[in-house]
Every structure is written in C-alpha cells, then in structure tokens.
N, C-alpha and C. Protein backbone atom coordinates (compact mmCIF):
# COMPACT_ATOMS: atom_id res chain seq x y z
N UNK A 1 0.83 -1.17 0.00
CA UNK A 1 0.00 0.00 0.00
C UNK A 1 0.88 1.24 0.00
N UNK A 2 0.40 2.25 -0.66
CA UNK A 2 1.14 3.51 -0.69
C UNK A 2 0.90 4.28 0.62
N UNK A 3 1.71 5.29 0.86
CA UNK A 3 1.54 6.11 2.05
C UNK A 3 0.15 6.74 2.07
N UNK A 4 -0.31 7.21 0.93
CA UNK A 4 -1.64 7.83 0.86
C UNK A 4 -2.75 6.85 1.19
N UNK A 5 -2.61 5.60 0.74
CA UNK A 5 -3.62 4.58 1.04
C UNK A 5 -3.63 4.24 2.53
N UNK A 6 -2.45 4.12 3.12
CA UNK A 6 -2.35 3.84 4.55
C UNK A 6 -2.97 4.98 5.36
N UNK A 7 -2.69 6.20 4.95
CA UNK A 7 -3.25 7.37 5.64
C UNK A 7 -4.77 7.37 5.56
N UNK A 8 -5.31 7.03 4.41
CA UNK A 8 -6.76 7.00 4.23
C UNK A 8 -7.40 5.92 5.09
N UNK A 9 -6.76 4.75 5.20
CA UNK A 9 -7.26 3.69 6.07
C UNK A 9 -7.29 4.20 7.51
N UNK A 10 -6.20 4.84 7.94
CA UNK A 10 -6.14 5.37 9.30
C UNK A 10 -7.23 6.40 9.53
N UNK A 11 -7.39 7.33 8.60
CA UNK A 11 -8.40 8.38 8.76
C UNK A 11 -9.80 7.80 8.82
N UNK A 12 -10.05 6.76 8.04
CA UNK A 12 -11.37 6.13 8.03
C UNK A 12 -11.61 5.37 9.33
N UNK A 13 -10.60 4.67 9.81
CA UNK A 13 -10.75 3.89 11.04
C UNK A 13 -10.85 4.77 12.28
N UNK A 14 -10.19 5.91 12.28
CA UNK A 14 -10.16 6.82 13.44
C UNK A 14 -11.43 7.67 13.45
N UNK A 15 -12.53 7.07 13.86
CA UNK A 15 -13.83 7.74 13.79
C UNK A 15 -13.94 8.96 14.70
N UNK A 16 -13.29 8.92 15.86
CA UNK A 16 -13.43 10.06 16.77
C UNK A 16 -12.33 11.12 16.56
N UNK A 17 -11.51 10.92 15.56
CA UNK A 17 -10.48 11.89 15.13
C UNK A 17 -9.56 12.32 16.28
N UNK A 18 -9.13 11.34 17.08
CA UNK A 18 -8.19 11.66 18.16
C UNK A 18 -6.76 11.26 17.81
N UNK A 19 -6.53 10.95 16.53
CA UNK A 19 -5.22 10.53 16.03
C UNK A 19 -4.73 9.24 16.64
N UNK A 20 -5.67 8.42 17.10
CA UNK A 20 -5.37 7.08 17.61
C UNK A 20 -6.49 6.17 17.12
N UNK A 21 -6.14 4.94 16.81
CA UNK A 21 -7.14 3.95 16.43
C UNK A 21 -7.27 2.96 17.58
N UNK A 22 -8.41 3.02 18.26
CA UNK A 22 -8.65 2.12 19.39
C UNK A 22 -8.92 0.71 18.87
N UNK A 23 -8.89 -0.25 19.77
CA UNK A 23 -9.20 -1.62 19.39
C UNK A 23 -10.61 -1.71 18.82
N UNK A 24 -11.56 -0.98 19.43
CA UNK A 24 -12.94 -1.00 18.95
C UNK A 24 -13.05 -0.37 17.56
N UNK A 25 -12.36 0.74 17.34
CA UNK A 25 -12.38 1.37 16.02
C UNK A 25 -11.80 0.44 14.96
N UNK A 26 -10.69 -0.23 15.30
CA UNK A 26 -10.08 -1.14 14.33
C UNK A 26 -10.98 -2.34 14.07
N UNK A 27 -11.59 -2.87 15.13
CA UNK A 27 -12.49 -4.01 14.97
C UNK A 27 -13.67 -3.64 14.08
N UNK A 28 -14.24 -2.46 14.28
CA UNK A 28 -15.36 -2.00 13.44
C UNK A 28 -14.92 -1.84 11.99
N UNK A 29 -13.75 -1.23 11.78
CA UNK A 29 -13.22 -1.03 10.43
C UNK A 29 -12.97 -2.38 9.75
N UNK A 30 -12.33 -3.27 10.48
CA UNK A 30 -12.01 -4.60 9.94
C UNK A 30 -13.28 -5.35 9.57
N UNK A 31 -14.28 -5.32 10.44
CA UNK A 31 -15.53 -6.03 10.19
C UNK A 31 -16.24 -5.49 8.96
N UNK A 32 -16.20 -4.20 8.76
CA UNK A 32 -16.91 -3.57 7.65
C UNK A 32 -16.16 -3.66 6.32
N UNK A 33 -14.86 -3.43 6.34
CA UNK A 33 -14.11 -3.28 5.09
C UNK A 33 -13.17 -4.44 4.73
N UNK A 34 -12.73 -5.22 5.70
CA UNK A 34 -11.73 -6.25 5.42
C UNK A 34 -12.32 -7.65 5.43
N UNK A 35 -13.03 -7.96 6.49
CA UNK A 35 -13.53 -9.32 6.68
C UNK A 35 -14.34 -9.88 5.51
N UNK A 36 -15.27 -9.11 4.92
CA UNK A 36 -16.03 -9.69 3.80
C UNK A 36 -15.14 -10.14 2.64
N UNK A 37 -14.07 -9.41 2.40
CA UNK A 37 -13.19 -9.76 1.29
C UNK A 37 -12.26 -10.91 1.64
N UNK A 38 -11.88 -11.04 2.90
CA UNK A 38 -11.11 -12.21 3.31
C UNK A 38 -11.95 -13.47 3.19
N UNK A 39 -13.23 -13.38 3.52
CA UNK A 39 -14.13 -14.53 3.38
C UNK A 39 -14.26 -14.90 1.90
N UNK A 40 -14.32 -13.90 1.03
CA UNK A 40 -14.48 -14.15 -0.40
C UNK A 40 -13.22 -14.75 -1.02
N UNK A 41 -12.07 -14.52 -0.41
CA UNK A 41 -10.80 -15.01 -0.93
C UNK A 41 -10.61 -16.48 -0.54
N UNK A 42 -11.30 -17.36 -1.23
CA UNK A 42 -11.29 -18.78 -0.92
C UNK A 42 -9.92 -19.43 -1.16
N UNK A 43 -9.08 -18.83 -1.99
CA UNK A 43 -7.78 -19.41 -2.31
C UNK A 43 -6.67 -18.92 -1.37
N UNK A 44 -7.01 -18.01 -0.43
CA UNK A 44 -6.02 -17.41 0.47
C UNK A 44 -4.84 -16.81 -0.30
N UNK A 45 -5.18 -16.13 -1.39
CA UNK A 45 -4.17 -15.56 -2.27
C UNK A 45 -4.02 -14.05 -2.06
N UNK A 46 -4.94 -13.45 -1.30
CA UNK A 46 -4.95 -12.01 -1.01
C UNK A 46 -5.03 -11.16 -2.27
N UNK A 47 -5.58 -11.76 -3.31
CA UNK A 47 -5.82 -11.03 -4.55
C UNK A 47 -7.11 -11.59 -5.13
N UNK A 48 -8.14 -10.76 -5.13
CA UNK A 48 -9.45 -11.22 -5.58
C UNK A 48 -9.59 -11.11 -7.08
N UNK A 49 -10.26 -12.10 -7.63
CA UNK A 49 -10.64 -12.06 -9.03
C UNK A 49 -12.14 -11.81 -9.10
N UNK A 50 -12.63 -11.45 -10.26
CA UNK A 50 -14.04 -11.11 -10.40
C UNK A 50 -14.96 -12.21 -9.89
N UNK A 51 -14.64 -13.44 -10.16
CA UNK A 51 -15.47 -14.56 -9.75
C UNK A 51 -15.52 -14.78 -8.25
N UNK A 52 -14.53 -14.26 -7.51
CA UNK A 52 -14.51 -14.44 -6.06
C UNK A 52 -15.64 -13.69 -5.37
N UNK A 53 -16.07 -12.58 -5.93
CA UNK A 53 -17.08 -11.75 -5.29
C UNK A 53 -18.51 -12.15 -5.64
N UNK A 54 -18.69 -12.86 -6.74
CA UNK A 54 -20.04 -13.19 -7.19
C UNK A 54 -20.86 -13.94 -6.15
N UNK A 55 -20.34 -14.99 -5.50
CA UNK A 55 -21.16 -15.69 -4.50
C UNK A 55 -21.59 -14.78 -3.35
N UNK A 56 -20.74 -13.85 -2.97
CA UNK A 56 -21.06 -12.95 -1.88
C UNK A 56 -22.20 -12.02 -2.25
N UNK A 57 -22.20 -11.52 -3.47
CA UNK A 57 -23.24 -10.60 -3.90
C UNK A 57 -24.54 -11.32 -4.25
N UNK A 58 -24.44 -12.57 -4.69
CA UNK A 58 -25.61 -13.30 -5.14
C UNK A 58 -26.34 -14.04 -4.02
N UNK A 59 -25.71 -14.22 -2.88
CA UNK A 59 -26.32 -15.00 -1.80
C UNK A 59 -27.57 -14.30 -1.29
N UNK A 60 -28.70 -14.98 -1.39
CA UNK A 60 -29.97 -14.39 -0.95
C UNK A 60 -30.01 -14.21 0.56
N UNK A 61 -29.39 -15.13 1.30
CA UNK A 61 -29.44 -15.04 2.75
C UNK A 61 -28.46 -14.00 3.30
N UNK A 62 -27.62 -13.46 2.46
CA UNK A 62 -26.63 -12.49 2.90
C UNK A 62 -27.15 -11.08 2.65
N UNK A 63 -27.66 -10.46 3.67
CA UNK A 63 -28.18 -9.09 3.55
C UNK A 63 -27.13 -8.06 3.92
N UNK A 64 -25.89 -8.48 4.11
CA UNK A 64 -24.82 -7.59 4.54
C UNK A 64 -24.67 -6.38 3.62
N UNK A 65 -24.73 -6.62 2.31
CA UNK A 65 -24.45 -5.56 1.35
C UNK A 65 -25.64 -4.65 1.09
N UNK A 66 -26.82 -5.00 1.55
CA UNK A 66 -28.01 -4.20 1.27
C UNK A 66 -27.87 -2.77 1.77
N UNK A 67 -27.22 -2.57 2.89
CA UNK A 67 -27.07 -1.24 3.44
C UNK A 67 -26.09 -0.37 2.70
N UNK A 68 -25.33 -0.94 1.77
CA UNK A 68 -24.29 -0.18 1.08
C UNK A 68 -24.64 0.12 -0.38
N UNK A 69 -25.78 -0.36 -0.81
CA UNK A 69 -26.17 -0.11 -2.20
C UNK A 69 -26.60 1.33 -2.34
N UNK A 70 -26.14 1.95 -3.40
CA UNK A 70 -26.50 3.34 -3.69
C UNK A 70 -27.25 3.35 -5.01
N UNK A 71 -28.43 3.91 -5.01
CA UNK A 71 -29.22 3.96 -6.23
C UNK A 71 -28.76 5.14 -7.07
N UNK A 72 -28.60 4.91 -8.36
CA UNK A 72 -28.22 5.97 -9.29
C UNK A 72 -29.41 6.91 -9.49
N UNK A 73 -29.12 8.17 -9.51
CA UNK A 73 -30.20 9.16 -9.71
C UNK A 73 -30.40 9.42 -11.18
C-alpha cells in the first residue's frame, strides 16, 4: 500500500479523530471493510478475481451488502 492509502485507512478507522485507532475502532473497520473480502478469498491468495465476489453478492441469505447499495439518480 502507498503512504496515501495507509493514511486514508487510518483516517477512516479513526472515527473520533483523536489521532489514535482504538481496538474497537479497528475491529469496526475490519468487520466492515476487510472481513467480507477475506471470506471471499477462498484461495487465500490475497488477490481477488471477479469470480470471487459473485457468490457474496448473489447470496440471498446475505443481507450484509443491502445497506451499502446506492441507487443511481
């Protein structure tokens, strides 16, 4: 990751803007942004291909992504 990408991750995880990432802030960030993609990476290759995400998006019982859909205006 580049310095800019690392900084953006830190800024996103540091919700209370105290220049520290608490265990709770990191756990929340990890659960929202990292964990779903680690689950999708069935090959443990840390590099997703297009087909890796399809089961996650197509699963009817998985309502996780419903809150993140943005409708085009």
